[in-house]
PDB file of N, CA and C in Angstrom:
ATOM      1  N   THR A   1      11.436 -11.077  -7.938  1.00  0.00           N
ATOM      2  CA  THR A   1      10.970 -10.098  -7.082  1.00  0.00           C
ATOM      3  C   THR A   1       9.491 -10.162  -7.091  1.00  0.00           C
ATOM      4  N   ASN A   2       8.958  -9.788  -5.842  1.00  0.00           N
ATOM      5  CA  ASN A   2       7.475  -9.837  -5.661  1.00  0.00           C
ATOM      6  C   ASN A   2       6.879  -8.483  -5.965  1.00  0.00           C
ATOM      7  N   ASP A   3       6.727  -8.182  -7.213  1.00  0.00           N
ATOM      8  CA  ASP A   3       6.134  -6.887  -7.633  1.00  0.00           C
ATOM      9  C   ASP A   3       4.654  -6.744  -7.043  1.00  0.00           C
ATOM     10  N   LEU A   4       3.925  -7.824  -7.209  1.00  0.00           N
ATOM     11  CA  LEU A   4       2.569  -7.872  -6.781  1.00  0.00           C
ATOM     12  C   LEU A   4       2.614  -7.308  -5.146  1.00  0.00           C
ATOM     13  N   LEU A   5       3.371  -7.987  -4.430  1.00  0.00           N
ATOM     14  CA  LEU A   5       3.439  -7.669  -2.965  1.00  0.00           C
ATOM     15  C   LEU A   5       3.781  -6.268  -2.819  1.00  0.00           C
ATOM     16  N   MET A   6       4.693  -5.668  -3.604  1.00  0.00           N
ATOM     17  CA  MET A   6       5.169  -4.287  -3.390  1.00  0.00           C
ATOM     18  C   MET A   6       3.863  -3.455  -3.783  1.00  0.00           C
ATOM     19  N   VAL A   7       3.253  -3.739  -4.777  1.00  0.00           N
ATOM     20  CA  VAL A   7       1.925  -2.990  -5.263  1.00  0.00           C
ATOM     21  C   VAL A   7       0.917  -2.868  -4.220  1.00  0.00           C
ATOM     22  N   LEU A   8       0.759  -4.169  -3.468  1.00  0.00           N
ATOM     23  CA  LEU A   8      -0.156  -4.288  -2.450  1.00  0.00           C
ATOM     24  C   LEU A   8       0.189  -3.488  -1.254  1.00  0.00           C
ATOM     25  N   ASN A   9       1.519  -3.530  -0.953  1.00  0.00           N
ATOM     26  CA  ASN A   9       2.043  -2.788   0.184  1.00  0.00           C
ATOM     27  C   ASN A   9       1.755  -1.207   0.004  1.00  0.00           C
ATOM     28  N   ASN A  10       2.094  -0.718  -1.362  1.00  0.00           N
ATOM     29  CA  ASN A  10       1.872   0.653  -1.619  1.00  0.00           C
ATOM     30  C   ASN A  10       0.356   0.975  -1.472  1.00  0.00           C
ATOM     31  N   LYS A  11      -0.610   0.139  -1.989  1.00  0.00           N
ATOM     32  CA  LYS A  11      -2.047   0.456  -1.811  1.00  0.00           C
ATOM     33  C   LYS A  11      -2.338   0.519  -0.474  1.00  0.00           C
ATOM     34  N   MET A  12      -1.883  -0.285   0.391  1.00  0.00           N
ATOM     35  CA  MET A  12      -2.145  -0.261   1.884  1.00  0.00           C
ATOM     36  C   MET A  12      -1.631   1.034   2.474  1.00  0.00           C
ATOM     37  N   ASP A  13      -0.494   1.476   2.093  1.00  0.00           N
ATOM     38  CA  ASP A  13       0.064   2.683   2.605  1.00  0.00           C
ATOM     39  C   ASP A  13      -0.901   3.949   2.124  1.00  0.00           C
ATOM     40  N   PHE A  14      -1.310   3.743   0.840  1.00  0.00           N
ATOM     41  CA  PHE A  14      -2.190   4.827   0.297  1.00  0.00           C
ATOM     42  C   PHE A  14      -3.363   4.870   1.144  1.00  0.00           C
ATOM     43  N   LEU A  15      -4.033   3.778   1.492  1.00  0.00           N
ATOM     44  CA  LEU A  15      -5.181   3.541   2.154  1.00  0.00           C
ATOM     45  C   LEU A  15      -5.044   4.224   3.561  1.00  0.00           C
ATOM     46  N   TRP A  16      -3.955   3.861   4.186  1.00  0.00           N
ATOM     47  CA  TRP A  16      -3.733   4.479   5.583  1.00  0.00           C
ATOM     48  C   TRP A  16      -3.575   5.956   5.650  1.00  0.00           C
ATOM     49  N   HIS A  17      -2.953   6.513   4.487  1.00  0.00           N
ATOM     50  CA  HIS A  17      -2.741   7.982   4.473  1.00  0.00           C
ATOM     51  C   HIS A  17      -4.262   8.620   4.102  1.00  0.00           C
ATOM     52  N   CYS A  18      -4.972   7.879   3.388  1.00  0.00           N
ATOM     53  CA  CYS A  18      -6.326   8.383   2.943  1.00  0.00           C
ATOM     54  C   CYS A  18      -7.150   8.513   4.220  1.00  0.00           C
ATOM     55  N   THR A  19      -7.121   7.489   5.148  1.00  0.00           N
ATOM     56  CA  THR A  19      -7.958   7.366   6.308  1.00  0.00           C
ATOM     57  C   THR A  19      -7.396   8.282   7.436  1.00  0.00           C
ATOM     58  N   GLY A  20      -6.169   8.764   7.320  1.00  0.00           N
ATOM     59  CA  GLY A  20      -5.606   9.615   8.340  1.00  0.00           C
ATOM     60  C   GLY A  20      -4.750   8.990   9.289  1.00  0.00           C
ATOM     61  N   TYR A  21      -4.451   7.746   9.036  1.00  0.00           N
ATOM     62  CA  TYR A  21      -3.577   6.991   9.883  1.00  0.00           C
ATOM     63  C   TYR A  21      -2.247   7.073   9.402  1.00  0.00           C
TER      64      TYR A  21
END
């Protein structure tokens, strides 16, 4: 499983939510 990829995806989602997108 690509745990790193999942973590990266979550980080991106978190960033988008933080910026308001």
